C-alpha atoms as a PDB file:
ATOM      1  CA  MET A   1     120.863  51.384 126.733  1.00  0.00           C
ATOM      2  CA  THR A   2     123.800  52.651 124.742  1.00  0.00           C
ATOM      3  CA  THR A   3     124.588  56.274 124.029  1.00  0.00           C
ATOM      4  CA  THR A   4     123.615  55.773 120.399  1.00  0.00           C
ATOM      5  CA  GLU A   5     120.188  54.461 121.419  1.00  0.00           C
ATOM      6  CA  LYS A   6     119.699  57.375 123.811  1.00  0.00           C
ATOM      7  CA  ILE A   7     120.524  59.849 121.037  1.00  0.00           C
ATOM      8  CA  ALA A   8     118.153  58.106 118.626  1.00  0.00           C
ATOM      9  CA  ASN A   9     115.326  58.223 121.189  1.00  0.00           C
ATOM     10  CA  ALA A  10     116.006  61.890 121.915  1.00  0.00           C
ATOM     11  CA  LYS A  11     115.855  62.703 118.189  1.00  0.00           C
ATOM     12  CA  LYS A  12     112.504  60.901 117.931  1.00  0.00           C
ATOM     13  CA  ARG A  13     111.127  62.933 120.845  1.00  0.00           C
ATOM     14  CA  ILE A  14     112.424  66.178 119.341  1.00  0.00           C
ATOM     15  CA  ASP A  15     110.806  65.356 115.984  1.00  0.00           C
ATOM     16  CA  GLU A  16     107.518  64.583 117.713  1.00  0.00           C
ATOM     17  CA  LEU A  17     107.645  67.872 119.615  1.00  0.00           C
ATOM     18  CA  LYS A  18     108.365  69.763 116.394  1.00  0.00           C
ATOM     19  CA  ARG A  19     105.305  68.154 114.765  1.00  0.00           C
ATOM     20  CA  LEU A  20     103.141  69.076 117.760  1.00  0.00           C
ATOM     21  CA  ILE A  21     104.378  72.682 117.730  1.00  0.00           C
ATOM     22  CA  LYS A  22     103.666  72.933 114.002  1.00  0.00           C
ATOM     23  CA  TYR A  23     100.182  71.485 114.533  1.00  0.00           C
ATOM     24  CA  TRP A  24      99.453  73.915 117.378  1.00  0.00           C
ATOM     25  CA  ASN A  25     100.718  76.885 115.334  1.00  0.00           C
ATOM     26  CA  ASP A  26      98.611  75.861 112.338  1.00  0.00           C
ATOM     27  CA  SER A  27      95.515  75.422 114.491  1.00  0.00           C
ATOM     28  CA  ASP A  28      95.946  78.944 115.908  1.00  0.00           C
ATOM     29  CA  HIS A  29      95.193  80.334 112.455  1.00  0.00           C
ATOM     30  CA  ASP A  30      92.082  78.237 111.961  1.00  0.00           C
ATOM     31  CA  GLU A  31      88.720  79.066 113.427  1.00  0.00           C
ATOM     32  CA  ALA A  32      88.310  77.944 116.983  1.00  0.00           C
ATOM     33  CA  LYS A  33      86.687  74.551 116.951  1.00  0.00           C
ATOM     34  CA  ILE A  34      84.423  73.717 119.830  1.00  0.00           C
ATOM     35  CA  VAL A  35      83.267  70.188 120.360  1.00  0.00           C
ATOM     36  CA  ASN A  36      80.228  69.769 122.555  1.00  0.00           C
ATOM     37  CA  PHE A  37      79.962  66.455 124.306  1.00  0.00           C
ATOM     38  CA  THR A  38      76.656  65.575 125.818  1.00  0.00           C
ATOM     39  CA  SER A  39      76.897  63.785 129.078  1.00  0.00           C
ATOM     40  CA  ASN A  40      74.282  61.941 131.004  1.00  0.00           C
ATOM     41  CA  ILE A  41      74.752  62.190 134.722  1.00  0.00           C
ATOM     42  CA  GLU A  42      72.581  60.046 136.874  1.00  0.00           C
ATOM     43  CA  ASN A  43      72.333  60.642 140.566  1.00  0.00           C
ATOM     44  CA  LYS A  44      72.180  57.307 142.311  1.00  0.00           C
ATOM     45  CA  VAL A  45      71.575  56.940 145.991  1.00  0.00           C
ATOM     46  CA  ALA A  46      72.428  53.679 147.682  1.00  0.00           C
END
């Protein structure tokens, strides 16, 4: 991998992290959203 490719990949990662930080900051201002997942747990004995 060349230096140019490494720099390009690093820029992509930085951009992705910036988007995630923006998303997290925006979600802090929204109401807390709670998702309830129902789960069925079966106890099986061999």
